[in-house]
Amino acid sequence: MLTTIRQIGNSRGLLIPAAFLASCQIEDQVDLELQDGQILIKPVKRKLRNGWFSELSQPLDIDTAKENDEAQAWNALPSDDTEWQW
């Protein structure tokens, strides 16, 4: 396919047809490489929820997490009735 390069600010760019983008599964980002005098455009595959749970070094035990949350809630309550307002 023959296309023209267009001026975009101080750079130059080209339009990639939607059919090409869909066929290559290109979304928002691409990886550009210069290889033997040619520009190679590769799609960037985003992993769903990448990094969301990276701080967990071991699998989460749901029962223990619930017990800890409940214990924290009970410990946050006032220890005597003087702080309660009815």
Protein backbone atom coordinates (compact mmCIF):
# COMPACT_ATOMS: atom_id res chain seq x y z
CA MET A 1 0.00 0.00 0.00
CA LEU A 2 1.39 3.38 -0.97
CA THR A 3 0.78 6.25 1.46
CA THR A 4 2.22 9.71 2.13
CA ILE A 5 4.08 11.02 5.15
CA ARG A 6 2.45 14.10 6.69
CA GLN A 7 3.83 16.99 8.69
CA ILE A 8 2.73 16.86 12.37
CA GLY A 9 4.32 19.72 14.30
CA ASN A 10 8.09 19.28 14.13
CA SER A 11 7.70 15.58 13.32
CA ARG A 12 6.25 13.57 10.49
CA GLY A 13 3.65 10.85 10.63
CA LEU A 14 1.45 8.58 8.61
CA LEU A 15 -2.05 7.24 8.92
CA ILE A 16 -2.44 3.50 9.36
CA PRO A 17 -5.73 2.13 8.03
CA ALA A 18 -8.12 0.70 10.63
CA ALA A 19 -8.09 -2.69 8.91
CA PHE A 20 -4.30 -2.89 9.36
CA LEU A 21 -4.57 -1.94 13.03
CA ALA A 22 -7.27 -4.53 13.67
CA SER A 23 -5.38 -7.24 11.79
CA CYS A 24 -2.20 -6.60 13.83
CA GLN A 25 -4.16 -6.11 17.09
CA ILE A 26 -2.65 -2.65 17.60
CA GLU A 27 -4.43 -0.58 20.23
CA ASP A 28 -2.91 2.52 21.86
CA GLN A 29 0.82 1.84 21.89
CA VAL A 30 3.36 0.43 19.46
CA ASP A 31 7.03 -0.49 19.70
CA LEU A 32 9.14 1.11 16.94
CA GLU A 33 12.44 -0.45 15.89
CA LEU A 34 14.92 0.49 13.21
CA GLN A 35 16.10 -2.70 11.51
CA ASP A 36 18.36 -2.70 8.45
CA GLY A 37 17.18 0.76 7.40
CA GLN A 38 13.49 -0.12 7.80
CA ILE A 39 11.01 0.92 10.46
CA LEU A 40 9.42 -2.04 12.20
CA ILE A 41 6.16 -1.40 14.05
CA LYS A 42 5.09 -3.99 16.65
CA PRO A 43 1.96 -3.98 18.79
CA VAL A 44 2.38 -3.62 22.55
CA LYS A 45 0.35 -6.25 24.37
CA ARG A 46 -0.94 -4.93 27.67
CA LYS A 47 -1.49 -7.51 30.34
CA LEU A 48 -4.83 -7.06 32.03
CA ARG A 49 -4.39 -5.58 35.51
CA ASN A 50 -0.62 -5.70 35.17
CA GLY A 51 1.07 -4.99 38.51
CA TRP A 52 -2.09 -4.81 40.61
CA PHE A 53 -1.02 -7.62 42.93
CA SER A 54 2.76 -7.43 42.60
CA GLU A 55 3.17 -6.55 46.29
CA LEU A 56 1.69 -9.90 47.32
CA SER A 57 4.56 -12.33 47.68
CA GLN A 58 2.31 -15.22 48.62
CA PRO A 59 -1.28 -16.17 47.81
CA LEU A 60 -3.89 -14.29 49.81
CA ASP A 61 -5.68 -16.34 52.46
CA ILE A 62 -9.24 -14.96 52.37
CA ASP A 63 -10.21 -16.35 55.79
CA THR A 64 -7.16 -14.82 57.49
CA ALA A 65 -7.76 -11.48 55.75
CA LYS A 66 -11.37 -11.42 56.98
CA GLU A 67 -10.30 -12.27 60.54
CA ASN A 68 -7.67 -9.51 60.48
CA ASP A 69 -10.18 -6.95 59.18
CA GLU A 70 -12.72 -7.93 61.83
CA ALA A 71 -10.09 -7.81 64.59
CA GLN A 72 -8.99 -4.32 63.48
CA ALA A 73 -12.61 -3.15 63.47
CA TRP A 74 -13.23 -4.47 66.99
CA ASN A 75 -9.96 -3.01 68.28
CA ALA A 76 -10.90 0.40 66.89
CA LEU A 77 -14.00 0.54 69.10
CA PRO A 78 -13.77 2.50 72.37
CA SER A 79 -12.80 0.34 75.33
CA ASP A 80 -15.36 1.76 77.77
CA ASP A 81 -18.86 3.22 77.61
CA THR A 82 -17.77 6.78 78.41
CA GLU A 83 -16.92 7.52 74.80
CA TRP A 84 -20.26 6.35 73.43
CA GLN A 85 -22.96 8.88 72.71
CA TRP A 86 -26.53 7.60 72.55
